[in-house]
Amino acid sequence: MDNLVIIISHCDTPDKINLLKKQIKRLKDLNIDTLLYSHIALEVSIQQAVTYYIYDTDNPVIYWPERSLHVWVEHKEKGKDSIKMEALFPDHGWTVLDQIKKASTFALPLKYNYYSFINYDTS
């Protein structure tokens, strides 16, 4: 057992699911073991196409005031006061790091020589 490719996924649309299937097929054609990690339940055919499948319903999105993504734009017209528009969005950044952490905890005892992480839609 040389390399385990760990696929991090968030496949909530048909297009994303098709990309995931193509990625799994590419890896399978290369005879590479795969671990698929998802917090969205995926169809049985996808689960059976990978070596390991982890389904974890925990999707730790962080909301304001704990943390958020703050975006803004300022608009100014000549001779007028400027207008600043702001929005706060939930922070999804920790979710993928949490998937990596949990997948690593599962995979390290499997005794592969290498562990590679990819996103499901990586070319």
C-alpha atoms as a PDB file:
ATOM      1  CA  MET A   1       0.000   0.000   0.000  1.00  0.00           C
ATOM      2  CA  ASP A   2       1.854   2.998  -1.287  1.00  0.00           C
ATOM      3  CA  ASN A   3      -0.434   6.017  -1.645  1.00  0.00           C
ATOM      4  CA  LEU A   4      -3.913   6.809  -0.383  1.00  0.00           C
ATOM      5  CA  VAL A   5      -5.624   9.706  -2.131  1.00  0.00           C
ATOM      6  CA  ILE A   6      -8.084  11.437   0.173  1.00  0.00           C
ATOM      7  CA  ILE A   7     -10.859  13.220  -1.692  1.00  0.00           C
ATOM      8  CA  ILE A   8     -12.522  16.097   0.128  1.00  0.00           C
ATOM      9  CA  SER A   9     -16.001  16.759  -1.243  1.00  0.00           C
ATOM     10  CA  HIS A  10     -19.090  18.915  -1.032  1.00  0.00           C
ATOM     11  CA  CYS A  11     -21.198  17.553  -3.876  1.00  0.00           C
ATOM     12  CA  ASP A  12     -24.610  19.141  -3.561  1.00  0.00           C
ATOM     13  CA  THR A  13     -25.469  19.486  -7.268  1.00  0.00           C
ATOM     14  CA  PRO A  14     -25.613  17.050 -10.209  1.00  0.00           C
ATOM     15  CA  ASP A  15     -22.646  18.823 -11.864  1.00  0.00           C
ATOM     16  CA  LYS A  16     -20.505  18.407  -8.759  1.00  0.00           C
ATOM     17  CA  ILE A  17     -21.511  14.748  -8.437  1.00  0.00           C
ATOM     18  CA  ASN A  18     -20.539  14.122 -12.070  1.00  0.00           C
ATOM     19  CA  LEU A  19     -17.145  15.760 -11.491  1.00  0.00           C
ATOM     20  CA  LEU A  20     -16.632  13.588  -8.432  1.00  0.00           C
ATOM     21  CA  LYS A  21     -17.491  10.430 -10.390  1.00  0.00           C
ATOM     22  CA  LYS A  22     -15.000  11.372 -13.117  1.00  0.00           C
ATOM     23  CA  GLN A  23     -12.282  12.033 -10.549  1.00  0.00           C
ATOM     24  CA  ILE A  24     -12.879   8.696  -8.826  1.00  0.00           C
ATOM     25  CA  LYS A  25     -12.784   6.889 -12.177  1.00  0.00           C
ATOM     26  CA  ARG A  26      -9.459   8.554 -13.107  1.00  0.00           C
ATOM     27  CA  LEU A  27      -7.906   7.438  -9.838  1.00  0.00           C
ATOM     28  CA  LYS A  28      -9.386   3.953 -10.089  1.00  0.00           C
ATOM     29  CA  ASP A  29      -8.015   3.606 -13.648  1.00  0.00           C
ATOM     30  CA  LEU A  30      -4.564   4.383 -12.185  1.00  0.00           C
ATOM     31  CA  ASN A  31      -5.108   1.702  -9.510  1.00  0.00           C
ATOM     32  CA  ILE A  32      -4.889   4.271  -6.696  1.00  0.00           C
ATOM     33  CA  ASP A  33      -6.670   3.638  -3.391  1.00  0.00           C
ATOM     34  CA  THR A  34      -9.079   6.395  -2.413  1.00  0.00           C
ATOM     35  CA  LEU A  35     -10.782   7.654   0.693  1.00  0.00           C
ATOM     36  CA  LEU A  36     -13.814   9.847   0.003  1.00  0.00           C
ATOM     37  CA  TYR A  37     -14.880  12.221   2.782  1.00  0.00           C
ATOM     38  CA  SER A  38     -18.270  13.918   2.578  1.00  0.00           C
ATOM     39  CA  HIS A  39     -20.782  15.558   4.886  1.00  0.00           C
ATOM     40  CA  ILE A  40     -23.451  15.037   2.222  1.00  0.00           C
ATOM     41  CA  ALA A  41     -24.836  11.524   1.755  1.00  0.00           C
ATOM     42  CA  LEU A  42     -23.753  10.197  -1.639  1.00  0.00           C
ATOM     43  CA  GLU A  43     -25.269   7.426  -3.743  1.00  0.00           C
ATOM     44  CA  VAL A  44     -24.216   3.833  -3.124  1.00  0.00           C
ATOM     45  CA  SER A  45     -22.486   3.488  -6.509  1.00  0.00           C
ATOM     46  CA  ILE A  46     -20.081   6.282  -5.511  1.00  0.00           C
ATOM     47  CA  GLN A  47     -19.458   4.710  -2.117  1.00  0.00           C
ATOM     48  CA  GLN A  48     -18.654   1.374  -3.760  1.00  0.00           C
ATOM     49  CA  ALA A  49     -16.270   2.970  -6.275  1.00  0.00           C
ATOM     50  CA  VAL A  50     -13.824   4.104  -3.571  1.00  0.00           C
ATOM     51  CA  THR A  51     -11.673   2.112  -1.163  1.00  0.00           C
ATOM     52  CA  TYR A  52     -12.960   3.969   1.919  1.00  0.00           C
ATOM     53  CA  TYR A  53     -15.962   6.247   2.377  1.00  0.00           C
ATOM     54  CA  ILE A  54     -16.579   8.518   5.354  1.00  0.00           C
ATOM     55  CA  TYR A  55     -19.950  10.186   5.708  1.00  0.00           C
ATOM     56  CA  ASP A  56     -19.980  12.759   8.482  1.00  0.00           C
ATOM     57  CA  THR A  57     -23.039  14.968   8.919  1.00  0.00           C
ATOM     58  CA  ASP A  58     -20.999  17.540  10.855  1.00  0.00           C
ATOM     59  CA  ASN A  59     -20.501  20.585   8.618  1.00  0.00           C
ATOM     60  CA  PRO A  60     -18.950  23.206  10.890  1.00  0.00           C
ATOM     61  CA  VAL A  61     -19.910  26.474   9.247  1.00  0.00           C
ATOM     62  CA  ILE A  62     -19.040  29.363  11.572  1.00  0.00           C
ATOM     63  CA  TYR A  63     -21.453  32.281  11.921  1.00  0.00           C
ATOM     64  CA  TRP A  64     -21.168  35.853  13.140  1.00  0.00           C
ATOM     65  CA  PRO A  65     -20.310  37.005  15.795  1.00  0.00           C
ATOM     66  CA  GLU A  66     -17.882  34.115  16.301  1.00  0.00           C
ATOM     67  CA  ARG A  67     -16.503  34.463  12.772  1.00  0.00           C
ATOM     68  CA  SER A  68     -17.733  35.581   9.361  1.00  0.00           C
ATOM     69  CA  LEU A  69     -16.655  36.581   5.903  1.00  0.00           C
ATOM     70  CA  HIS A  70     -16.901  40.359   5.664  1.00  0.00           C
ATOM     71  CA  VAL A  71     -17.214  41.901   2.206  1.00  0.00           C
ATOM     72  CA  TRP A  72     -17.724  45.510   1.281  1.00  0.00           C
ATOM     73  CA  VAL A  73     -17.725  47.899  -1.615  1.00  0.00           C
ATOM     74  CA  GLU A  74     -17.550  51.671  -1.517  1.00  0.00           C
ATOM     75  CA  HIS A  75     -19.141  53.732  -4.230  1.00  0.00           C
ATOM     76  CA  LYS A  76     -18.433  57.420  -4.674  1.00  0.00           C
ATOM     77  CA  GLU A  77     -19.753  59.769  -7.331  1.00  0.00           C
ATOM     78  CA  LYS A  78     -18.113  63.086  -8.017  1.00  0.00           C
ATOM     79  CA  GLY A  79     -19.507  65.782  -5.748  1.00  0.00           C
ATOM     80  CA  LYS A  80     -21.542  63.353  -3.620  1.00  0.00           C
ATOM     81  CA  ASP A  81     -20.995  61.508  -0.355  1.00  0.00           C
ATOM     82  CA  SER A  82     -19.668  57.983  -0.705  1.00  0.00           C
ATOM     83  CA  ILE A  83     -21.855  54.986  -0.026  1.00  0.00           C
ATOM     84  CA  LYS A  84     -20.400  51.898   1.608  1.00  0.00           C
ATOM     85  CA  MET A  85     -22.247  48.591   1.320  1.00  0.00           C
ATOM     86  CA  GLU A  86     -21.291  45.730   3.622  1.00  0.00           C
ATOM     87  CA  ALA A  87     -22.351  42.137   4.094  1.00  0.00           C
ATOM     88  CA  LEU A  88     -21.433  39.385   6.529  1.00  0.00           C
ATOM     89  CA  PHE A  89     -21.518  35.791   5.289  1.00  0.00           C
ATOM     90  CA  PRO A  90     -21.006  32.540   7.203  1.00  0.00           C
ATOM     91  CA  ASP A  91     -17.407  31.291   7.158  1.00  0.00           C
ATOM     92  CA  HIS A  92     -17.112  27.964   5.317  1.00  0.00           C
ATOM     93  CA  GLY A  93     -13.304  27.998   5.529  1.00  0.00           C
ATOM     94  CA  TRP A  94     -13.051  25.747   8.572  1.00  0.00           C
ATOM     95  CA  THR A  95     -15.227  23.046   7.009  1.00  0.00           C
ATOM     96  CA  VAL A  96     -12.573  21.776   4.610  1.00  0.00           C
ATOM     97  CA  LEU A  97      -9.877  21.921   7.289  1.00  0.00           C
ATOM     98  CA  ASP A  98     -12.138  19.911   9.577  1.00  0.00           C
ATOM     99  CA  GLN A  99     -12.583  17.311   6.812  1.00  0.00           C
ATOM    100  CA  ILE A 100      -8.801  17.082   6.368  1.00  0.00           C
ATOM    101  CA  LYS A 101      -8.278  16.686  10.111  1.00  0.00           C
ATOM    102  CA  LYS A 102     -10.910  13.954  10.487  1.00  0.00           C
ATOM    103  CA  ALA A 103      -9.854  12.089   7.331  1.00  0.00           C
ATOM    104  CA  SER A 104      -6.243  12.127   8.546  1.00  0.00           C
ATOM    105  CA  THR A 105      -7.251  10.706  11.916  1.00  0.00           C
ATOM    106  CA  PHE A 106      -8.921   7.802  10.123  1.00  0.00           C
ATOM    107  CA  ALA A 107      -6.231   7.272   7.464  1.00  0.00           C
ATOM    108  CA  LEU A 108      -2.948   7.446   9.369  1.00  0.00           C
ATOM    109  CA  PRO A 109      -3.313   4.028  11.064  1.00  0.00           C
ATOM    110  CA  LEU A 110      -3.880   2.414   7.639  1.00  0.00           C
ATOM    111  CA  LYS A 111      -0.090   2.322   7.057  1.00  0.00           C
ATOM    112  CA  TYR A 112       0.147   3.862   3.611  1.00  0.00           C
ATOM    113  CA  ASN A 113       3.516   5.382   2.744  1.00  0.00           C
ATOM    114  CA  TYR A 114       1.952   8.556   1.325  1.00  0.00           C
ATOM    115  CA  TYR A 115      -1.301  10.441   1.794  1.00  0.00           C
ATOM    116  CA  SER A 116      -2.452  12.890  -0.867  1.00  0.00           C
ATOM    117  CA  PHE A 117      -5.353  15.291  -0.507  1.00  0.00           C
ATOM    118  CA  ILE A 118      -7.348  16.527  -3.467  1.00  0.00           C
ATOM    119  CA  ASN A 119     -10.638  18.264  -3.946  1.00  0.00           C
ATOM    120  CA  TYR A 120     -13.255  16.338  -5.917  1.00  0.00           C
ATOM    121  CA  ASP A 121     -13.067  18.816  -8.812  1.00  0.00           C
ATOM    122  CA  THR A 122      -9.304  19.077  -9.175  1.00  0.00           C
ATOM    123  CA  SER A 123      -8.166  18.682 -12.772  1.00  0.00           C
END
